[in-house]
Amino acid sequence: MSESETGPQPDEAVKAWIKKSMDDVVQELMDRGVLDSIVAEARPTWMLPFTLLIGQVREHGKTEGFDWFICGDGPTTVANSRVAASPREAARHFALQWQLESVRKGDEGAELSHKAGALYELVEDPNLWESSLMS
């Protein structure tokens, strides 16, 4: 399959950003105890280059399910695979999760509320989700 059939491939700077983001998120999740064993698989599923990355992670020995994660311009957040069937649905879930957290924080949550709204606007833009950007 030619590049014109599969779409343009990420350039080297984007590839480096994806790799660094993936390495950082896996390390952060291990440091936080979210992942308590060796990671068997971590893969990006959608991105807004240099801003947001949504992906999936699975611990070694786990054969079913995975965890969604989002990282970048917002808090690194994780959700079980059952909350979403696609990166877009995962982003919607994270936007809601951030909004609820911002309400819980009150005045201290204003920035998170803004990020939740911005993420939700991305979710509502069908042009960003028509095809998987990570295929």
Protein backbone atom coordinates (compact mmCIF):
# COMPACT_ATOMS: atom_id res chain seq x y z
CA MET A 1 0.00 0.00 0.00
CA SER A 2 1.44 3.36 -0.95
CA GLU A 3 1.63 6.41 1.31
CA SER A 4 -1.10 8.10 -0.74
CA GLU A 5 -3.43 5.18 0.08
CA THR A 6 -2.66 5.17 3.80
CA GLY A 7 -2.36 8.93 4.24
CA PRO A 8 0.71 10.90 5.22
CA GLN A 9 2.90 9.36 7.87
CA PRO A 10 3.91 11.40 10.91
CA ASP A 11 7.15 13.28 10.38
CA GLU A 12 10.19 12.63 12.54
CA ALA A 13 9.41 15.39 15.09
CA VAL A 14 5.92 13.99 15.64
CA LYS A 15 7.31 10.45 15.92
CA ALA A 16 9.79 11.64 18.55
CA TRP A 17 7.01 13.45 20.45
CA ILE A 18 4.84 10.29 20.39
CA LYS A 19 7.73 8.13 21.66
CA LYS A 20 8.59 10.57 24.46
CA SER A 21 4.92 10.93 25.42
CA MET A 22 4.46 7.16 25.52
CA ASP A 23 7.62 6.63 27.57
CA ASP A 24 6.62 9.41 29.99
CA VAL A 25 3.04 8.20 30.45
CA VAL A 26 4.09 4.60 31.11
CA GLN A 27 6.67 5.77 33.65
CA GLU A 28 4.17 8.12 35.33
CA LEU A 29 1.54 5.39 35.58
CA MET A 30 4.07 3.02 37.09
CA ASP A 31 5.25 5.71 39.56
CA ARG A 32 1.63 6.41 40.57
CA GLY A 33 0.97 2.69 41.05
CA VAL A 34 -1.68 2.61 38.33
CA LEU A 35 0.42 0.00 36.60
CA ASP A 36 1.94 -2.37 39.09
CA SER A 37 3.74 -4.69 36.75
CA ILE A 38 5.70 -4.67 33.55
CA VAL A 39 3.82 -3.13 30.65
CA ALA A 40 3.15 -5.69 27.94
CA GLU A 41 1.71 -3.27 25.44
CA ALA A 42 1.29 0.48 25.11
CA ARG A 43 0.15 2.07 21.90
CA PRO A 44 -1.07 5.44 20.73
CA THR A 45 -4.55 5.49 19.17
CA TRP A 46 -5.19 9.20 18.45
CA MET A 47 -3.27 12.42 18.69
CA LEU A 48 -3.36 16.13 18.21
CA PRO A 49 0.39 16.52 17.61
CA PHE A 50 2.34 18.23 20.38
CA THR A 51 -0.89 18.73 22.36
CA LEU A 52 -2.80 15.55 23.24
CA LEU A 53 -2.22 11.83 22.94
CA ILE A 54 -4.80 9.14 23.62
CA GLY A 55 -3.65 5.56 23.82
CA GLN A 56 -4.06 2.14 25.31
CA VAL A 57 -1.94 0.29 27.82
CA ARG A 58 -2.06 -3.28 29.05
CA GLU A 59 -0.06 -4.91 31.80
CA HIS A 60 2.06 -7.99 31.20
CA GLY A 61 0.05 -11.16 31.69
CA LYS A 62 -3.28 -9.47 31.07
CA THR A 63 -4.96 -11.02 28.05
CA GLU A 64 -8.26 -9.15 27.99
CA GLY A 65 -9.06 -5.49 28.13
CA PHE A 66 -6.75 -2.55 28.43
CA ASP A 67 -6.75 0.88 29.97
CA TRP A 68 -7.29 4.08 28.00
CA PHE A 69 -5.05 7.00 28.83
CA ILE A 70 -4.79 10.62 27.83
CA CYS A 71 -1.71 12.76 28.27
CA GLY A 72 -0.36 16.07 27.10
CA ASP A 73 -2.17 19.35 27.66
CA GLY A 74 -4.12 18.21 30.70
CA PRO A 75 -3.68 15.77 33.51
CA THR A 76 -2.59 12.26 32.63
CA THR A 77 -5.77 10.31 33.19
CA VAL A 78 -6.58 6.61 32.91
CA ALA A 79 -9.86 4.77 32.39
CA ASN A 80 -10.81 1.14 32.02
CA SER A 81 -11.47 -0.17 28.52
CA ARG A 82 -15.15 -0.66 29.37
CA VAL A 83 -15.79 3.12 29.36
CA ALA A 84 -15.18 3.53 25.63
CA ALA A 85 -14.99 1.60 22.39
CA SER A 86 -13.00 4.22 20.49
CA PRO A 87 -10.50 7.01 21.11
CA ARG A 88 -13.27 9.57 20.53
CA GLU A 89 -15.48 7.97 23.17
CA ALA A 90 -12.50 7.82 25.52
CA ALA A 91 -11.87 11.54 24.95
CA ARG A 92 -15.53 12.26 25.75
CA HIS A 93 -15.18 10.25 28.95
CA PHE A 94 -12.00 12.12 29.94
CA ALA A 95 -13.64 15.50 29.25
CA LEU A 96 -16.51 14.58 31.57
CA GLN A 97 -14.12 13.20 34.18
CA TRP A 98 -12.07 16.42 34.12
CA GLN A 99 -15.24 18.56 34.35
CA LEU A 100 -16.47 16.62 37.38
CA GLU A 101 -13.05 16.93 39.01
CA SER A 102 -12.99 20.68 38.34
CA VAL A 103 -16.36 21.05 40.08
CA ARG A 104 -15.06 19.10 43.07
CA LYS A 105 -12.06 21.46 43.27
CA GLY A 106 -14.22 24.59 43.19
CA ASP A 107 -12.27 27.78 42.46
CA GLU A 108 -9.04 25.79 42.13
CA GLY A 109 -10.54 23.80 39.27
CA ALA A 110 -11.03 26.67 36.79
CA GLU A 111 -8.10 25.69 34.59
CA LEU A 112 -9.16 22.04 34.54
CA SER A 113 -12.70 23.10 33.65
CA HIS A 114 -11.31 25.08 30.73
CA LYS A 115 -9.28 22.06 29.55
CA ALA A 116 -12.36 19.83 29.88
CA GLY A 117 -14.34 22.22 27.71
CA ALA A 118 -11.58 22.40 25.11
CA LEU A 119 -11.34 18.60 24.99
CA TYR A 120 -15.10 18.31 24.60
CA GLU A 121 -14.97 20.76 21.68
CA LEU A 122 -12.41 18.45 20.02
CA VAL A 123 -14.72 15.48 20.60
CA GLU A 124 -17.56 17.33 18.89
CA ASP A 125 -15.49 18.09 15.76
CA PRO A 126 -16.21 15.17 13.39
CA ASN A 127 -13.36 16.13 11.07
CA LEU A 128 -10.85 15.13 13.75
CA TRP A 129 -12.34 11.65 14.16
CA GLU A 130 -13.36 10.52 10.67
CA SER A 131 -10.41 8.16 10.47
CA SER A 132 -7.96 6.90 12.98
CA LEU A 133 -4.99 9.22 13.00
CA MET A 134 -2.76 6.45 14.30
CA SER A 135 -3.58 3.79 11.67
